[in-house]
């Protein structure tokens, strides 16, 4: 994982995924979490604290190969990326129905 090209590729991939998700959101969807600060706090707590904590516990409990450790660490670093893409496609944008 110390190869410079691989690190650049991983950074570009994560950035591209998040940018694509953000570009597909409507303005109302972007503002919806700011209108519900408790929900925003719980979501950030789950993404930033709970998921990495669960991964750390799993890594301590099981003697896993380095490839699996790397994969779990990458998933813990961006746990919402795989789920958000599908969820945003399923939900659609309510604003687009009124255009």
PDB file of N, CA and C in Angstrom:
ATOM      1  N   UNK A   1       0.829  -1.201   0.000  1.00  0.00           N
ATOM      2  CA  UNK A   1       0.000   0.000   0.000  1.00  0.00           C
ATOM      3  C   UNK A   1       0.861   1.249   0.000  1.00  0.00           C
ATOM      4  N   UNK A   2       2.165   1.095  -0.003  1.00  0.00           N
ATOM      5  CA  UNK A   2       3.046   2.248   0.035  1.00  0.00           C
ATOM      6  C   UNK A   2       3.471   2.707  -1.362  1.00  0.00           C
ATOM      7  N   UNK A   3       2.957   2.082  -2.373  1.00  0.00           N
ATOM      8  CA  UNK A   3       3.288   2.484  -3.737  1.00  0.00           C
ATOM      9  C   UNK A   3       2.604   3.816  -4.025  1.00  0.00           C
ATOM     10  N   UNK A   4       3.355   4.829  -4.470  1.00  0.00           N
ATOM     11  CA  UNK A   4       2.780   6.167  -4.667  1.00  0.00           C
ATOM     12  C   UNK A   4       1.623   6.205  -5.662  1.00  0.00           C
ATOM     13  N   UNK A   5       1.709   5.449  -6.749  1.00  0.00           N
ATOM     14  CA  UNK A   5       0.625   5.454  -7.733  1.00  0.00           C
ATOM     15  C   UNK A   5      -0.659   4.858  -7.169  1.00  0.00           C
ATOM     16  N   UNK A   6      -0.528   3.823  -6.336  1.00  0.00           N
ATOM     17  CA  UNK A   6      -1.698   3.213  -5.721  1.00  0.00           C
ATOM     18  C   UNK A   6      -2.366   4.188  -4.751  1.00  0.00           C
ATOM     19  N   UNK A   7      -1.586   4.903  -3.982  1.00  0.00           N
ATOM     20  CA  UNK A   7      -2.142   5.889  -3.055  1.00  0.00           C
ATOM     21  C   UNK A   7      -2.853   7.007  -3.805  1.00  0.00           C
ATOM     22  N   UNK A   8      -2.275   7.460  -4.893  1.00  0.00           N
ATOM     23  CA  UNK A   8      -2.919   8.502  -5.708  1.00  0.00           C
ATOM     24  C   UNK A   8      -4.225   7.973  -6.294  1.00  0.00           C
ATOM     25  N   UNK A   9      -4.212   6.736  -6.782  1.00  0.00           N
ATOM     26  CA  UNK A   9      -5.412   6.133  -7.352  1.00  0.00           C
ATOM     27  C   UNK A   9      -6.529   6.026  -6.317  1.00  0.00           C
ATOM     28  N   UNK A  10      -6.189   5.610  -5.100  1.00  0.00           N
ATOM     29  CA  UNK A  10      -7.190   5.484  -4.035  1.00  0.00           C
ATOM     30  C   UNK A  10      -7.785   6.850  -3.707  1.00  0.00           C
ATOM     31  N   UNK A  11      -6.949   7.871  -3.604  1.00  0.00           N
ATOM     32  CA  UNK A  11      -7.437   9.220  -3.297  1.00  0.00           C
ATOM     33  C   UNK A  11      -8.341   9.742  -4.406  1.00  0.00           C
ATOM     34  N   UNK A  12      -7.950   9.534  -5.656  1.00  0.00           N
ATOM     35  CA  UNK A  12      -8.756   9.995  -6.789  1.00  0.00           C
ATOM     36  C   UNK A  12     -10.089   9.252  -6.830  1.00  0.00           C
ATOM     37  N   UNK A  13     -10.067   7.959  -6.548  1.00  0.00           N
ATOM     38  CA  UNK A  13     -11.294   7.162  -6.570  1.00  0.00           C
ATOM     39  C   UNK A  13     -12.277   7.638  -5.508  1.00  0.00           C
ATOM     40  N   UNK A  14     -11.804   7.818  -4.281  1.00  0.00           N
ATOM     41  CA  UNK A  14     -12.688   8.269  -3.204  1.00  0.00           C
ATOM     42  C   UNK A  14     -13.224   9.667  -3.507  1.00  0.00           C
ATOM     43  N   UNK A  15     -12.363  10.556  -3.978  1.00  0.00           N
ATOM     44  CA  UNK A  15     -12.799  11.908  -4.331  1.00  0.00           C
ATOM     45  C   UNK A  15     -13.854  11.867  -5.429  1.00  0.00           C
ATOM     46  N   UNK A  16     -13.633  11.040  -6.449  1.00  0.00           N
ATOM     47  CA  UNK A  16     -14.570  10.948  -7.569  1.00  0.00           C
ATOM     48  C   UNK A  16     -15.928  10.415  -7.121  1.00  0.00           C
ATOM     49  N   UNK A  17     -15.925   9.409  -6.253  1.00  0.00           N
ATOM     50  CA  UNK A  17     -17.185   8.863  -5.748  1.00  0.00           C
ATOM     51  C   UNK A  17     -17.971   9.919  -4.986  1.00  0.00           C
ATOM     52  N   UNK A  18     -17.313  10.619  -4.092  1.00  0.00           N
ATOM     53  CA  UNK A  18     -17.992  11.635  -3.297  1.00  0.00           C
ATOM     54  C   UNK A  18     -18.460  12.804  -4.160  1.00  0.00           C
ATOM     55  N   UNK A  19     -17.671  13.188  -5.146  1.00  0.00           N
ATOM     56  CA  UNK A  19     -18.068  14.267  -6.053  1.00  0.00           C
ATOM     57  C   UNK A  19     -19.287  13.857  -6.874  1.00  0.00           C
ATOM     58  N   UNK A  20     -19.301  12.626  -7.354  1.00  0.00           N
ATOM     59  CA  UNK A  20     -20.443  12.144  -8.145  1.00  0.00           C
ATOM     60  C   UNK A  20     -21.710  12.120  -7.305  1.00  0.00           C
ATOM     61  N   UNK A  21     -21.597  11.689  -6.069  1.00  0.00           N
ATOM     62  CA  UNK A  21     -22.763  11.674  -5.183  1.00  0.00           C
ATOM     63  C   UNK A  21     -23.249  13.093  -4.940  1.00  0.00           C
ATOM     64  N   UNK A  22     -22.326  14.001  -4.667  1.00  0.00           N
ATOM     65  CA  UNK A  22     -22.693  15.392  -4.414  1.00  0.00           C
ATOM     66  C   UNK A  22     -23.313  16.065  -5.623  1.00  0.00           C
ATOM     67  N   UNK A  23     -22.842  15.738  -6.809  1.00  0.00           N
ATOM     68  CA  UNK A  23     -23.392  16.354  -8.034  1.00  0.00           C
ATOM     69  C   UNK A  23     -24.803  15.866  -8.328  1.00  0.00           C
ATOM     70  N   UNK A  24     -25.159  14.707  -7.830  1.00  0.00           N
ATOM     71  CA  UNK A  24     -26.495  14.168  -8.083  1.00  0.00           C
ATOM     72  C   UNK A  24     -27.527  14.631  -7.059  1.00  0.00           C
ATOM     73  N   UNK A  25     -27.112  15.374  -6.043  1.00  0.00           N
ATOM     74  CA  UNK A  25     -28.050  15.849  -5.033  1.00  0.00           C
ATOM     75  C   UNK A  25     -28.694  17.156  -5.452  1.00  0.00           C
ATOM     76  N   UNK A  26     -29.932  17.321  -5.070  1.00  0.00           N
ATOM     77  CA  UNK A  26     -30.623  18.588  -5.277  1.00  0.00           C
ATOM     78  C   UNK A  26     -30.239  19.543  -4.148  1.00  0.00           C
ATOM     79  N   UNK A  27     -30.493  20.811  -4.363  1.00  0.00           N
ATOM     80  CA  UNK A  27     -30.190  21.821  -3.351  1.00  0.00           C
ATOM     81  C   UNK A  27     -30.963  21.543  -2.071  1.00  0.00           C
ATOM     82  N   UNK A  28     -32.221  21.141  -2.186  1.00  0.00           N
ATOM     83  CA  UNK A  28     -33.038  20.835  -1.001  1.00  0.00           C
ATOM     84  C   UNK A  28     -32.475  19.659  -0.229  1.00  0.00           C
ATOM     85  N   UNK A  29     -31.959  18.656  -0.929  1.00  0.00           N
ATOM     86  CA  UNK A  29     -31.377  17.495  -0.256  1.00  0.00           C
ATOM     87  C   UNK A  29     -30.110  17.884   0.493  1.00  0.00           C
ATOM     88  N   UNK A  30     -29.342  18.801  -0.073  1.00  0.00           N
ATOM     89  CA  UNK A  30     -28.122  19.246   0.606  1.00  0.00           C
ATOM     90  C   UNK A  30     -28.448  20.003   1.891  1.00  0.00           C
ATOM     91  N   UNK A  31     -29.532  20.751   1.875  1.00  0.00           N
ATOM     92  CA  UNK A  31     -29.904  21.546   3.046  1.00  0.00           C
ATOM     93  C   UNK A  31     -30.695  20.759   4.083  1.00  0.00           C
ATOM     94  N   UNK A  32     -31.207  19.597   3.712  1.00  0.00           N
ATOM     95  CA  UNK A  32     -32.104  18.872   4.613  1.00  0.00           C
ATOM     96  C   UNK A  32     -31.435  18.498   5.939  1.00  0.00           C
ATOM     97  N   UNK A  33     -30.174  18.119   5.919  1.00  0.00           N
ATOM     98  CA  UNK A  33     -29.508  17.757   7.173  1.00  0.00           C
ATOM     99  C   UNK A  33     -29.231  18.965   8.053  1.00  0.00           C
ATOM    100  N   UNK A  34     -29.015  20.116   7.464  1.00  0.00           N
ATOM    101  CA  UNK A  34     -28.771  21.320   8.272  1.00  0.00           C
ATOM    102  C   UNK A  34     -30.029  21.742   9.010  1.00  0.00           C
ATOM    103  N   UNK A  35     -31.177  21.357   8.492  1.00  0.00           N
ATOM    104  CA  UNK A  35     -32.433  21.680   9.160  1.00  0.00           C
ATOM    105  C   UNK A  35     -32.728  20.718  10.305  1.00  0.00           C
ATOM    106  N   UNK A  36     -32.007  19.598  10.348  1.00  0.00           N
ATOM    107  CA  UNK A  36     -32.185  18.591  11.411  1.00  0.00           C
ATOM    108  C   UNK A  36     -30.816  18.319  12.043  1.00  0.00           C
ATOM    109  N   UNK A  37     -30.340  19.219  12.912  1.00  0.00           N
ATOM    110  CA  UNK A  37     -28.986  19.058  13.458  1.00  0.00           C
ATOM    111  C   UNK A  37     -28.792  17.787  14.279  1.00  0.00           C
ATOM    112  N   UNK A  38     -29.835  17.307  14.953  1.00  0.00           N
ATOM    113  CA  UNK A  38     -29.688  16.069  15.735  1.00  0.00           C
ATOM    114  C   UNK A  38     -29.422  14.882  14.815  1.00  0.00           C
ATOM    115  N   UNK A  39     -30.118  14.839  13.701  1.00  0.00           N
ATOM    116  CA  UNK A  39     -29.894  13.775  12.724  1.00  0.00           C
ATOM    117  C   UNK A  39     -28.497  13.864  12.128  1.00  0.00           C
ATOM    118  N   UNK A  40     -28.056  15.075  11.828  1.00  0.00           N
ATOM    119  CA  UNK A  40     -26.708  15.282  11.304  1.00  0.00           C
ATOM    120  C   UNK A  40     -25.667  14.804  12.305  1.00  0.00           C
ATOM    121  N   UNK A  41     -25.858  15.133  13.576  1.00  0.00           N
ATOM    122  CA  UNK A  41     -24.907  14.706  14.617  1.00  0.00           C
ATOM    123  C   UNK A  41     -24.869  13.189  14.728  1.00  0.00           C
ATOM    124  N   UNK A  42     -26.027  12.546  14.742  1.00  0.00           N
ATOM    125  CA  UNK A  42     -26.053  11.078  14.839  1.00  0.00           C
ATOM    126  C   UNK A  42     -25.410  10.427  13.627  1.00  0.00           C
ATOM    127  N   UNK A  43     -25.645  10.986  12.451  1.00  0.00           N
ATOM    128  CA  UNK A  43     -25.050  10.430  11.234  1.00  0.00           C
ATOM    129  C   UNK A  43     -23.536  10.560  11.265  1.00  0.00           C
ATOM    130  N   UNK A  44     -23.048  11.734  11.664  1.00  0.00           N
ATOM    131  CA  UNK A  44     -21.592  11.920  11.759  1.00  0.00           C
ATOM    132  C   UNK A  44     -20.980  11.026  12.825  1.00  0.00           C
ATOM    133  N   UNK A  45     -21.665  10.868  13.938  1.00  0.00           N
ATOM    134  CA  UNK A  45     -21.176   9.980  14.999  1.00  0.00           C
ATOM    135  C   UNK A  45     -21.049   8.548  14.475  1.00  0.00           C
ATOM    136  N   UNK A  46     -22.058   8.098  13.761  1.00  0.00           N
ATOM    137  CA  UNK A  46     -22.027   6.739  13.221  1.00  0.00           C
ATOM    138  C   UNK A  46     -20.912   6.556  12.208  1.00  0.00           C
ATOM    139  N   UNK A  47     -20.748   7.530  11.316  1.00  0.00           N
ATOM    140  CA  UNK A  47     -19.763   7.401  10.236  1.00  0.00           C
ATOM    141  C   UNK A  47     -18.341   7.599  10.735  1.00  0.00           C
ATOM    142  N   UNK A  48     -18.141   8.595  11.589  1.00  0.00           N
ATOM    143  CA  UNK A  48     -16.777   8.974  11.978  1.00  0.00           C
ATOM    144  C   UNK A  48     -16.273   8.189  13.194  1.00  0.00           C
ATOM    145  N   UNK A  49     -17.184   7.758  14.072  1.00  0.00           N
ATOM    146  CA  UNK A  49     -16.745   7.103  15.306  1.00  0.00           C
ATOM    147  C   UNK A  49     -17.095   5.619  15.330  1.00  0.00           C
ATOM    148  N   UNK A  50     -18.373   5.294  15.136  1.00  0.00           N
ATOM    149  CA  UNK A  50     -18.811   3.917  15.342  1.00  0.00           C
ATOM    150  C   UNK A  50     -18.241   2.926  14.332  1.00  0.00           C
ATOM    151  N   UNK A  51     -18.275   3.258  13.061  1.00  0.00           N
ATOM    152  CA  UNK A  51     -17.776   2.317  12.046  1.00  0.00           C
ATOM    153  C   UNK A  51     -16.279   2.047  12.228  1.00  0.00           C
ATOM    154  N   UNK A  52     -15.429   3.073  12.367  1.00  0.00           N
ATOM    155  CA  UNK A  52     -14.017   2.767  12.609  1.00  0.00           C
ATOM    156  C   UNK A  52     -13.779   2.003  13.912  1.00  0.00           C
ATOM    157  N   UNK A  53     -14.585   2.281  14.933  1.00  0.00           N
ATOM    158  CA  UNK A  53     -14.446   1.562  16.199  1.00  0.00           C
ATOM    159  C   UNK A  53     -14.766   0.077  16.033  1.00  0.00           C
ATOM    160  N   UNK A  54     -15.819  -0.224  15.299  1.00  0.00           N
ATOM    161  CA  UNK A  54     -16.178  -1.624  15.041  1.00  0.00           C
ATOM    162  C   UNK A  54     -15.067  -2.318  14.254  1.00  0.00           C
ATOM    163  N   UNK A  55     -14.508  -1.641  13.274  1.00  0.00           N
ATOM    164  CA  UNK A  55     -13.420  -2.229  12.486  1.00  0.00           C
ATOM    165  C   UNK A  55     -12.197  -2.481  13.358  1.00  0.00           C
ATOM    166  N   UNK A  56     -11.861  -1.554  14.222  1.00  0.00           N
ATOM    167  CA  UNK A  56     -10.712  -1.747  15.128  1.00  0.00           C
ATOM    168  C   UNK A  56     -10.944  -2.950  16.027  1.00  0.00           C
ATOM    169  N   UNK A  57     -12.154  -3.091  16.555  1.00  0.00           N
ATOM    170  CA  UNK A  57     -12.474  -4.247  17.409  1.00  0.00           C
ATOM    171  C   UNK A  57     -12.354  -5.546  16.613  1.00  0.00           C
ATOM    172  N   UNK A  58     -12.879  -5.558  15.399  1.00  0.00           N
ATOM    173  CA  UNK A  58     -12.769  -6.762  14.563  1.00  0.00           C
ATOM    174  C   UNK A  58     -11.319  -7.108  14.255  1.00  0.00           C
ATOM    175  N   UNK A  59     -10.513  -6.091  13.985  1.00  0.00           N
ATOM    176  CA  UNK A  59      -9.100  -6.351  13.691  1.00  0.00           C
ATOM    177  C   UNK A  59      -8.365  -6.883  14.904  1.00  0.00           C
ATOM    178  N   UNK A  60      -8.755  -6.446  16.087  1.00  0.00           N
ATOM    179  CA  UNK A  60      -8.127  -6.944  17.326  1.00  0.00           C
ATOM    180  C   UNK A  60      -8.573  -8.372  17.644  1.00  0.00           C
ATOM    181  N   UNK A  61      -9.837  -8.704  17.347  1.00  0.00           N
ATOM    182  CA  UNK A  61     -10.374 -10.017  17.687  1.00  0.00           C
ATOM    183  C   UNK A  61      -9.894 -11.124  16.762  1.00  0.00           C
ATOM    184  N   UNK A  62      -9.746 -10.806  15.488  1.00  0.00           N
ATOM    185  CA  UNK A  62      -9.421 -11.842  14.506  1.00  0.00           C
ATOM    186  C   UNK A  62      -8.032 -11.600  13.910  1.00  0.00           C
ATOM    187  N   UNK A  63      -7.339 -12.697  13.656  1.00  0.00           N
ATOM    188  CA  UNK A  63      -6.035 -12.638  13.009  1.00  0.00           C
ATOM    189  C   UNK A  63      -6.263 -12.704  11.501  1.00  0.00           C
ATOM    190  N   UNK A  64      -6.410 -11.546  10.891  1.00  0.00           N
ATOM    191  CA  UNK A  64      -6.768 -11.468   9.480  1.00  0.00           C
ATOM    192  C   UNK A  64      -5.548 -11.223   8.608  1.00  0.00           C
ATOM    193  N   UNK A  65      -5.604 -11.679   7.357  1.00  0.00           N
ATOM    194  CA  UNK A  65      -4.503 -11.411   6.430  1.00  0.00           C
ATOM    195  C   UNK A  65      -4.412  -9.909   6.118  1.00  0.00           C
ATOM    196  N   UNK A  66      -3.231  -9.445   5.712  1.00  0.00           N
ATOM    197  CA  UNK A  66      -3.044  -8.015   5.430  1.00  0.00           C
ATOM    198  C   UNK A  66      -4.001  -7.456   4.386  1.00  0.00           C
ATOM    199  N   UNK A  67      -4.389  -8.260   3.399  1.00  0.00           N
ATOM    200  CA  UNK A  67      -5.298  -7.784   2.375  1.00  0.00           C
ATOM    201  C   UNK A  67      -6.672  -7.462   2.951  1.00  0.00           C
ATOM    202  N   UNK A  68      -7.139  -8.304   3.849  1.00  0.00           N
ATOM    203  CA  UNK A  68      -8.438  -8.086   4.484  1.00  0.00           C
ATOM    204  C   UNK A  68      -8.377  -6.877   5.407  1.00  0.00           C
ATOM    205  N   UNK A  69      -7.275  -6.736   6.129  1.00  0.00           N
ATOM    206  CA  UNK A  69      -7.089  -5.578   7.011  1.00  0.00           C
ATOM    207  C   UNK A  69      -7.128  -4.289   6.192  1.00  0.00           C
ATOM    208  N   UNK A  70      -6.451  -4.290   5.056  1.00  0.00           N
ATOM    209  CA  UNK A  70      -6.440  -3.105   4.191  1.00  0.00           C
ATOM    210  C   UNK A  70      -7.843  -2.797   3.675  1.00  0.00           C
ATOM    211  N   UNK A  71      -8.562  -3.821   3.239  1.00  0.00           N
ATOM    212  CA  UNK A  71      -9.925  -3.623   2.744  1.00  0.00           C
ATOM    213  C   UNK A  71     -10.859  -3.085   3.816  1.00  0.00           C
ATOM    214  N   UNK A  72     -10.782  -3.644   5.010  1.00  0.00           N
ATOM    215  CA  UNK A  72     -11.622  -3.158   6.103  1.00  0.00           C
ATOM    216  C   UNK A  72     -11.264  -1.729   6.493  1.00  0.00           C
ATOM    217  N   UNK A  73      -9.982  -1.413   6.482  1.00  0.00           N
ATOM    218  CA  UNK A  73      -9.565  -0.044   6.814  1.00  0.00           C
ATOM    219  C   UNK A  73     -10.084   0.952   5.778  1.00  0.00           C
ATOM    220  N   UNK A  74     -10.054   0.568   4.503  1.00  0.00           N
ATOM    221  CA  UNK A  74     -10.581   1.451   3.456  1.00  0.00           C
ATOM    222  C   UNK A  74     -12.092   1.634   3.588  1.00  0.00           C
ATOM    223  N   UNK A  75     -12.802   0.559   3.904  1.00  0.00           N
ATOM    224  CA  UNK A  75     -14.245   0.667   4.098  1.00  0.00           C
ATOM    225  C   UNK A  75     -14.580   1.515   5.318  1.00  0.00           C
ATOM    226  N   UNK A  76     -13.778   1.388   6.360  1.00  0.00           N
ATOM    227  CA  UNK A  76     -14.008   2.194   7.566  1.00  0.00           C
ATOM    228  C   UNK A  76     -13.720   3.664   7.310  1.00  0.00           C
ATOM    229  N   UNK A  77     -12.782   3.942   6.415  1.00  0.00           N
ATOM    230  CA  UNK A  77     -12.436   5.331   6.119  1.00  0.00           C
ATOM    231  C   UNK A  77     -13.539   6.030   5.338  1.00  0.00           C
ATOM    232  N   UNK A  78     -14.282   5.297   4.529  1.00  0.00           N
ATOM    233  CA  UNK A  78     -15.386   5.902   3.770  1.00  0.00           C
ATOM    234  C   UNK A  78     -16.573   4.945   3.750  1.00  0.00           C
ATOM    235  N   UNK A  79     -17.199   4.711   4.904  1.00  0.00           N
ATOM    236  CA  UNK A  79     -18.252   3.693   4.969  1.00  0.00           C
ATOM    237  C   UNK A  79     -19.519   4.055   4.213  1.00  0.00           C
ATOM    238  N   UNK A  80     -19.778   5.325   3.999  1.00  0.00           N
ATOM    239  CA  UNK A  80     -21.018   5.719   3.338  1.00  0.00           C
ATOM    240  C   UNK A  80     -20.973   5.621   1.834  1.00  0.00           C
ATOM    241  N   UNK A  81     -19.813   5.597   1.246  1.00  0.00           N
ATOM    242  CA  UNK A  81     -19.698   5.651  -0.212  1.00  0.00           C
ATOM    243  C   UNK A  81     -20.442   4.529  -0.924  1.00  0.00           C
ATOM    244  N   UNK A  82     -20.268   3.264  -0.552  1.00  0.00           N
ATOM    245  CA  UNK A  82     -20.982   2.220  -1.292  1.00  0.00           C
ATOM    246  C   UNK A  82     -22.496   2.282  -1.099  1.00  0.00           C
ATOM    247  N   UNK A  83     -22.950   2.692   0.086  1.00  0.00           N
ATOM    248  CA  UNK A  83     -24.374   2.711   0.369  1.00  0.00           C
ATOM    249  C   UNK A  83     -25.055   3.946  -0.196  1.00  0.00           C
ATOM    250  N   UNK A  84     -24.393   5.070  -0.150  1.00  0.00           N
ATOM    251  CA  UNK A  84     -25.017   6.329  -0.539  1.00  0.00           C
ATOM    252  C   UNK A  84     -25.346   6.356  -2.020  1.00  0.00           C
ATOM    253  N   UNK A  85     -24.513   5.794  -2.830  1.00  0.00           N
ATOM    254  CA  UNK A  85     -24.761   5.807  -4.272  1.00  0.00           C
ATOM    255  C   UNK A  85     -26.074   5.107  -4.596  1.00  0.00           C
ATOM    256  N   UNK A  86     -26.274   3.931  -4.084  1.00  0.00           N
ATOM    257  CA  UNK A  86     -27.493   3.173  -4.358  1.00  0.00           C
ATOM    258  C   UNK A  86     -28.697   3.850  -3.729  1.00  0.00           C
ATOM    259  N   UNK A  87     -28.550   4.328  -2.494  1.00  0.00           N
ATOM    260  CA  UNK A  87     -29.670   4.983  -1.819  1.00  0.00           C
ATOM    261  C   UNK A  87     -30.111   6.248  -2.551  1.00  0.00           C
ATOM    262  N   UNK A  88     -29.159   7.023  -3.025  1.00  0.00           N
ATOM    263  CA  UNK A  88     -29.530   8.253  -3.728  1.00  0.00           C
ATOM    264  C   UNK A  88     -30.217   7.947  -5.048  1.00  0.00           C
ATOM    265  N   UNK A  89     -29.826   6.862  -5.704  1.00  0.00           N
ATOM    266  CA  UNK A  89     -30.499   6.466  -6.940  1.00  0.00           C
ATOM    267  C   UNK A  89     -31.915   5.994  -6.650  1.00  0.00           C
ATOM    268  N   UNK A  90     -32.097   5.258  -5.541  1.00  0.00           N
ATOM    269  CA  UNK A  90     -33.416   4.744  -5.192  1.00  0.00           C
ATOM    270  C   UNK A  90     -34.349   5.871  -4.747  1.00  0.00           C
ATOM    271  N   UNK A  91     -33.815   6.837  -3.999  1.00  0.00           N
ATOM    272  CA  UNK A  91     -34.650   7.899  -3.443  1.00  0.00           C
ATOM    273  C   UNK A  91     -35.089   8.893  -4.501  1.00  0.00           C
ATOM    274  N   UNK A  92     -34.214   9.218  -5.429  1.00  0.00           N
ATOM    275  CA  UNK A  92     -34.533  10.225  -6.424  1.00  0.00           C
ATOM    276  C   UNK A  92     -34.544  11.602  -5.787  1.00  0.00           C
ATOM    277  N   UNK A  93     -34.861  12.578  -6.548  1.00  0.00           N
ATOM    278  CA  UNK A  93     -34.876  13.955  -6.049  1.00  0.00           C
ATOM    279  C   UNK A  93     -36.299  14.475  -6.131  1.00  0.00           C
ATOM    280  N   UNK A  94     -36.887  14.809  -4.998  1.00  0.00           N
ATOM    281  CA  UNK A  94     -38.270  15.278  -5.002  1.00  0.00           C
ATOM    282  C   UNK A  94     -38.406  16.574  -5.799  1.00  0.00           C
ATOM    283  N   UNK A  95     -37.354  17.375  -5.826  1.00  0.00           N
ATOM    284  CA  UNK A  95     -37.405  18.638  -6.534  1.00  0.00           C
ATOM    285  C   UNK A  95     -37.531  18.418  -8.037  1.00  0.00           C
ATOM    286  N   UNK A  96     -36.931  17.349  -8.562  1.00  0.00           N
ATOM    287  CA  UNK A  96     -36.960  17.103 -10.007  1.00  0.00           C
ATOM    288  C   UNK A  96     -38.367  16.777 -10.496  1.00  0.00           C
ATOM    289  N   UNK A  97     -39.253  16.334  -9.597  1.00  0.00           N
ATOM    290  CA  UNK A  97     -40.612  16.030 -10.009  1.00  0.00           C
ATOM    291  C   UNK A  97     -41.413  17.286 -10.315  1.00  0.00           C
ATOM    292  N   UNK A  98     -40.970  18.437  -9.808  1.00  0.00           N
ATOM    293  CA  UNK A  98     -41.729  19.682  -9.970  1.00  0.00           C
ATOM    294  C   UNK A  98     -41.131  20.590 -11.033  1.00  0.00           C
ATOM    295  N   UNK A  99     -40.140  20.141 -11.752  1.00  0.00           N
ATOM    296  CA  UNK A  99     -39.533  20.973 -12.801  1.00  0.00           C
ATOM    297  C   UNK A  99     -40.336  20.933 -14.066  1.00  0.00           C
TER     298      UNK A  99
END
